[in-house]
Amino acid sequence: MRPRKVCVCKQVSESEIIASIQNGANSIEEISKITLASTGCGTCRRSIQNILDRELKVGKIN
């Protein structure tokens, strides 16, 4: 199975976005600096925010 492209303009996959979050990115701006996602047309911004919210929630210790 091919990785899902979240940002078509810059060819950034969901796994690349998750990796940037795991390496400390905690905002769309930081993810964009690392991966270049959402630096083209910006259509993927909501998807990136959803991934960020999900991954930060998963990473929290109860």
C-alpha atoms as a PDB file:
ATOM      1  CA  MET A   1       0.000   0.000   0.000  1.00  0.00           C
ATOM      2  CA  ARG A   2       1.342   3.415  -0.939  1.00  0.00           C
ATOM      3  CA  PRO A   3       1.535   6.091   1.753  1.00  0.00           C
ATOM      4  CA  ARG A   4      -1.402   8.509   1.709  1.00  0.00           C
ATOM      5  CA  LYS A   5      -0.394  11.916   0.398  1.00  0.00           C
ATOM      6  CA  VAL A   6      -1.804  14.612   2.634  1.00  0.00           C
ATOM      7  CA  CYS A   7      -0.188  17.473   0.712  1.00  0.00           C
ATOM      8  CA  VAL A   8      -0.429  16.859  -3.017  1.00  0.00           C
ATOM      9  CA  CYS A   9       1.399  20.087  -3.957  1.00  0.00           C
ATOM     10  CA  LYS A  10       4.554  19.128  -2.050  1.00  0.00           C
ATOM     11  CA  GLN A  11       4.035  15.329  -2.125  1.00  0.00           C
ATOM     12  CA  VAL A  12       4.065  14.992   1.677  1.00  0.00           C
ATOM     13  CA  SER A  13       2.701  11.772   3.139  1.00  0.00           C
ATOM     14  CA  GLU A  14       0.821  11.260   6.373  1.00  0.00           C
ATOM     15  CA  SER A  15       3.757   9.247   7.724  1.00  0.00           C
ATOM     16  CA  GLU A  16       6.100  12.209   7.117  1.00  0.00           C
ATOM     17  CA  ILE A  17       3.744  14.495   9.019  1.00  0.00           C
ATOM     18  CA  ILE A  18       3.483  12.006  11.887  1.00  0.00           C
ATOM     19  CA  ALA A  19       7.283  11.691  11.987  1.00  0.00           C
ATOM     20  CA  SER A  20       7.634  15.477  12.265  1.00  0.00           C
ATOM     21  CA  ILE A  21       5.185  15.477  15.195  1.00  0.00           C
ATOM     22  CA  GLN A  22       7.048  12.635  16.886  1.00  0.00           C
ATOM     23  CA  ASN A  23      10.227  14.690  16.471  1.00  0.00           C
ATOM     24  CA  GLY A  24       8.730  17.661  18.307  1.00  0.00           C
ATOM     25  CA  ALA A  25       6.597  19.660  15.868  1.00  0.00           C
ATOM     26  CA  ASN A  26       3.458  20.814  17.672  1.00  0.00           C
ATOM     27  CA  SER A  27       1.898  23.285  15.238  1.00  0.00           C
ATOM     28  CA  ILE A  28       1.030  23.462  11.555  1.00  0.00           C
ATOM     29  CA  GLU A  29       3.721  26.096  11.140  1.00  0.00           C
ATOM     30  CA  GLU A  30       6.404  23.790  12.563  1.00  0.00           C
ATOM     31  CA  ILE A  31       5.180  20.872  10.450  1.00  0.00           C
ATOM     32  CA  SER A  32       5.312  23.129   7.377  1.00  0.00           C
ATOM     33  CA  LYS A  33       8.893  24.190   8.135  1.00  0.00           C
ATOM     34  CA  ILE A  34       9.991  20.571   8.452  1.00  0.00           C
ATOM     35  CA  THR A  35       7.995  18.955   5.621  1.00  0.00           C
ATOM     36  CA  LEU A  36       6.931  21.894   3.392  1.00  0.00           C
ATOM     37  CA  ALA A  37       3.336  20.626   3.675  1.00  0.00           C
ATOM     38  CA  SER A  38       0.721  23.395   3.397  1.00  0.00           C
ATOM     39  CA  THR A  39       3.171  25.769   1.714  1.00  0.00           C
ATOM     40  CA  GLY A  40       1.507  25.415  -1.698  1.00  0.00           C
ATOM     41  CA  CYS A  41      -2.233  25.913  -2.106  1.00  0.00           C
ATOM     42  CA  GLY A  42      -3.048  25.288   1.583  1.00  0.00           C
ATOM     43  CA  THR A  43      -5.926  22.896   0.936  1.00  0.00           C
ATOM     44  CA  CYS A  44      -4.301  20.276   3.180  1.00  0.00           C
ATOM     45  CA  ARG A  45      -4.155  22.550   6.225  1.00  0.00           C
ATOM     46  CA  ARG A  46      -7.291  21.075   7.828  1.00  0.00           C
ATOM     47  CA  SER A  47      -6.047  17.503   7.270  1.00  0.00           C
ATOM     48  CA  ILE A  48      -2.710  18.401   8.848  1.00  0.00           C
ATOM     49  CA  GLN A  49      -4.500  19.938  11.843  1.00  0.00           C
ATOM     50  CA  ASN A  50      -6.592  16.777  12.242  1.00  0.00           C
ATOM     51  CA  ILE A  51      -3.465  14.593  12.172  1.00  0.00           C
ATOM     52  CA  LEU A  52      -1.723  16.914  14.637  1.00  0.00           C
ATOM     53  CA  ASP A  53      -4.681  16.868  17.034  1.00  0.00           C
ATOM     54  CA  ARG A  54      -4.943  13.081  16.825  1.00  0.00           C
ATOM     55  CA  GLU A  55      -1.217  12.470  17.322  1.00  0.00           C
ATOM     56  CA  LEU A  56      -0.885  14.902  20.220  1.00  0.00           C
ATOM     57  CA  LYS A  57      -3.898  13.287  21.900  1.00  0.00           C
ATOM     58  CA  VAL A  58      -2.452   9.795  21.377  1.00  0.00           C
ATOM     59  CA  GLY A  59       0.870  10.915  22.846  1.00  0.00           C
ATOM     60  CA  LYS A  60      -0.630  12.209  26.108  1.00  0.00           C
ATOM     61  CA  ILE A  61      -0.052  10.181  29.234  1.00  0.00           C
ATOM     62  CA  ASN A  62      -3.133   9.816  31.427  1.00  0.00           C
END
